[in-house]
Amino acid sequence: MGNSNSSSVDHRFTSASRAFTQKKLDDLKSLFVSLASKSQSNDQYVSYPVFQEYFGLSGSLGERMFDMVTQHRKDDKLTFEDLVIAKEYFGLSGSLGCLILSLNTGKMIK
């Protein structure tokens, strides 16, 4: 039997990937590899401290944002799939300001 959460992430990743050109996906992959390298994770994931530093978010806002983009897994690992899903979902809604507002209100803004 498969992990239903894994299947859900795979479906969301496939769907989110379709929103980008191959060039944009390549750019996201380059960003991910750079951040994962700083995380010393063999390019497998981005750690919370590196995420926090890159986005300039600290405290509870940074924690909540990281929790959202990692699909509430609580494993402290942001994967490439998480990055693509988050970029598609939040990137199409406008700006980081919309994301911050949604985090503070608990409601998604589209």
C-alpha atoms as a PDB file:
ATOM      1  CA  MET A   1       0.000   0.000   0.000  1.00  0.00           C
ATOM      2  CA  GLY A   2       1.180   3.492  -0.817  1.00  0.00           C
ATOM      3  CA  ASN A   3       1.356   6.475   1.414  1.00  0.00           C
ATOM      4  CA  SER A   4      -1.722   8.582   0.675  1.00  0.00           C
ATOM      5  CA  ASN A   5       0.081  11.792   1.671  1.00  0.00           C
ATOM      6  CA  SER A   6       2.848  10.998  -0.814  1.00  0.00           C
ATOM      7  CA  SER A   7       0.263  10.390  -3.531  1.00  0.00           C
ATOM      8  CA  SER A   8      -1.407  13.697  -2.714  1.00  0.00           C
ATOM      9  CA  VAL A   9       1.893  15.579  -2.950  1.00  0.00           C
ATOM     10  CA  ASP A  10       2.711  13.824  -6.249  1.00  0.00           C
ATOM     11  CA  HIS A  11      -0.645  14.894  -7.700  1.00  0.00           C
ATOM     12  CA  ARG A  12      -0.221  18.482  -6.508  1.00  0.00           C
ATOM     13  CA  PHE A  13       3.330  18.587  -7.858  1.00  0.00           C
ATOM     14  CA  THR A  14       2.247  17.299 -11.263  1.00  0.00           C
ATOM     15  CA  SER A  15      -0.550  19.841 -11.377  1.00  0.00           C
ATOM     16  CA  ALA A  16       1.646  22.707 -10.167  1.00  0.00           C
ATOM     17  CA  SER A  17       4.421  21.843 -12.640  1.00  0.00           C
ATOM     18  CA  ARG A  18       2.053  22.405 -15.532  1.00  0.00           C
ATOM     19  CA  ALA A  19       1.743  26.079 -14.562  1.00  0.00           C
ATOM     20  CA  PHE A  20       5.394  26.754 -15.458  1.00  0.00           C
ATOM     21  CA  THR A  21       7.552  26.738 -18.536  1.00  0.00           C
ATOM     22  CA  GLN A  22      10.517  24.386 -18.598  1.00  0.00           C
ATOM     23  CA  LYS A  23      12.778  27.431 -18.157  1.00  0.00           C
ATOM     24  CA  LYS A  24      10.936  28.473 -14.987  1.00  0.00           C
ATOM     25  CA  LEU A  25      11.107  24.909 -13.616  1.00  0.00           C
ATOM     26  CA  ASP A  26      14.835  24.863 -14.369  1.00  0.00           C
ATOM     27  CA  ASP A  27      15.228  28.200 -12.545  1.00  0.00           C
ATOM     28  CA  LEU A  28      13.316  26.833  -9.549  1.00  0.00           C
ATOM     29  CA  LYS A  29      15.510  23.724  -9.587  1.00  0.00           C
ATOM     30  CA  SER A  30      18.649  25.887  -9.598  1.00  0.00           C
ATOM     31  CA  LEU A  31      17.331  27.886  -6.657  1.00  0.00           C
ATOM     32  CA  PHE A  32      16.436  24.695  -4.824  1.00  0.00           C
ATOM     33  CA  VAL A  33      19.862  23.125  -5.400  1.00  0.00           C
ATOM     34  CA  SER A  34      21.572  26.295  -4.186  1.00  0.00           C
ATOM     35  CA  LEU A  35      19.497  26.415  -1.003  1.00  0.00           C
ATOM     36  CA  ALA A  36      19.776  22.657  -0.432  1.00  0.00           C
ATOM     37  CA  SER A  37      23.549  22.921  -0.786  1.00  0.00           C
ATOM     38  CA  LYS A  38      23.576  25.527   1.983  1.00  0.00           C
ATOM     39  CA  SER A  39      21.465  23.099   4.027  1.00  0.00           C
ATOM     40  CA  GLN A  40      24.192  20.446   3.672  1.00  0.00           C
ATOM     41  CA  SER A  41      21.552  17.882   2.676  1.00  0.00           C
ATOM     42  CA  ASN A  42      23.187  16.382  -0.439  1.00  0.00           C
ATOM     43  CA  ASP A  43      20.741  18.482  -2.484  1.00  0.00           C
ATOM     44  CA  GLN A  44      17.789  16.547  -1.011  1.00  0.00           C
ATOM     45  CA  TYR A  45      15.993  19.306   0.906  1.00  0.00           C
ATOM     46  CA  VAL A  46      16.158  22.863   2.224  1.00  0.00           C
ATOM     47  CA  SER A  47      16.410  23.180   5.992  1.00  0.00           C
ATOM     48  CA  TYR A  48      14.333  25.599   8.038  1.00  0.00           C
ATOM     49  CA  PRO A  49      17.310  27.836   8.967  1.00  0.00           C
ATOM     50  CA  VAL A  50      18.302  28.245   5.291  1.00  0.00           C
ATOM     51  CA  PHE A  51      14.668  28.883   4.303  1.00  0.00           C
ATOM     52  CA  GLN A  52      14.382  31.449   7.090  1.00  0.00           C
ATOM     53  CA  GLU A  53      17.568  33.225   6.006  1.00  0.00           C
ATOM     54  CA  TYR A  54      16.669  33.245   2.290  1.00  0.00           C
ATOM     55  CA  PHE A  55      13.184  34.697   2.804  1.00  0.00           C
ATOM     56  CA  GLY A  56      14.177  36.935   5.701  1.00  0.00           C
ATOM     57  CA  LEU A  57      11.457  35.572   7.928  1.00  0.00           C
ATOM     58  CA  SER A  58      11.968  34.922  11.598  1.00  0.00           C
ATOM     59  CA  GLY A  59       9.913  33.921  14.566  1.00  0.00           C
ATOM     60  CA  SER A  60       6.416  32.557  14.321  1.00  0.00           C
ATOM     61  CA  LEU A  61       5.758  33.970  10.842  1.00  0.00           C
ATOM     62  CA  GLY A  62       8.754  32.101   9.428  1.00  0.00           C
ATOM     63  CA  GLU A  63       7.733  28.939  11.242  1.00  0.00           C
ATOM     64  CA  ARG A  64       4.156  29.148   9.960  1.00  0.00           C
ATOM     65  CA  MET A  65       5.241  29.822   6.396  1.00  0.00           C
ATOM     66  CA  PHE A  66       7.724  26.914   6.455  1.00  0.00           C
ATOM     67  CA  ASP A  67       5.035  24.665   7.906  1.00  0.00           C
ATOM     68  CA  MET A  68       2.630  25.619   5.116  1.00  0.00           C
ATOM     69  CA  VAL A  69       5.059  25.139   2.249  1.00  0.00           C
ATOM     70  CA  THR A  70       6.231  21.787   3.617  1.00  0.00           C
ATOM     71  CA  GLN A  71       2.645  20.536   3.639  1.00  0.00           C
ATOM     72  CA  HIS A  72       2.550  20.427   7.472  1.00  0.00           C
ATOM     73  CA  ARG A  73       4.838  17.352   7.495  1.00  0.00           C
ATOM     74  CA  LYS A  74       6.828  18.508  10.547  1.00  0.00           C
ATOM     75  CA  ASP A  75      10.021  16.901   9.179  1.00  0.00           C
ATOM     76  CA  ASP A  76      11.920  20.218   8.740  1.00  0.00           C
ATOM     77  CA  LYS A  77      12.612  19.387   5.085  1.00  0.00           C
ATOM     78  CA  LEU A  78      11.456  21.524   2.166  1.00  0.00           C
ATOM     79  CA  THR A  79      11.624  19.413  -0.995  1.00  0.00           C
ATOM     80  CA  PHE A  80      11.769  20.555  -4.610  1.00  0.00           C
ATOM     81  CA  GLU A  81       8.175  19.367  -4.962  1.00  0.00           C
ATOM     82  CA  ASP A  82       7.162  21.565  -2.006  1.00  0.00           C
ATOM     83  CA  LEU A  83       8.857  24.555  -3.623  1.00  0.00           C
ATOM     84  CA  VAL A  84       7.066  24.085  -6.950  1.00  0.00           C
ATOM     85  CA  ILE A  85       3.683  23.579  -5.271  1.00  0.00           C
ATOM     86  CA  ALA A  86       4.161  26.658  -3.075  1.00  0.00           C
ATOM     87  CA  LYS A  87       5.382  28.803  -5.974  1.00  0.00           C
ATOM     88  CA  GLU A  88       2.424  27.825  -8.122  1.00  0.00           C
ATOM     89  CA  TYR A  89      -0.133  28.290  -5.364  1.00  0.00           C
ATOM     90  CA  PHE A  90       1.184  31.485  -3.828  1.00  0.00           C
ATOM     91  CA  GLY A  91       3.011  32.922  -6.837  1.00  0.00           C
ATOM     92  CA  LEU A  92      -0.154  33.144  -8.901  1.00  0.00           C
ATOM     93  CA  SER A  93      -1.999  34.975  -6.137  1.00  0.00           C
ATOM     94  CA  GLY A  94       0.243  38.003  -6.292  1.00  0.00           C
ATOM     95  CA  SER A  95       2.972  38.634  -3.775  1.00  0.00           C
ATOM     96  CA  LEU A  96       4.547  37.696  -0.501  1.00  0.00           C
ATOM     97  CA  GLY A  97       2.200  40.237   1.067  1.00  0.00           C
ATOM     98  CA  CYS A  98      -0.782  38.049   0.154  1.00  0.00           C
ATOM     99  CA  LEU A  99       0.968  35.060   1.671  1.00  0.00           C
ATOM    100  CA  ILE A 100       1.714  36.935   4.874  1.00  0.00           C
ATOM    101  CA  LEU A 101      -1.868  38.142   5.079  1.00  0.00           C
ATOM    102  CA  SER A 102      -3.150  34.607   4.560  1.00  0.00           C
ATOM    103  CA  LEU A 103      -0.812  33.294   7.262  1.00  0.00           C
ATOM    104  CA  ASN A 104      -1.948  35.949   9.711  1.00  0.00           C
ATOM    105  CA  THR A 105      -5.660  35.464   9.023  1.00  0.00           C
ATOM    106  CA  GLY A 106      -5.580  31.704   8.504  1.00  0.00           C
ATOM    107  CA  LYS A 107      -7.411  32.115   5.173  1.00  0.00           C
ATOM    108  CA  MET A 108      -6.013  31.428   1.747  1.00  0.00           C
ATOM    109  CA  ILE A 109      -6.101  34.393  -0.614  1.00  0.00           C
ATOM    110  CA  LYS A 110      -6.390  33.833  -4.346  1.00  0.00           C
END
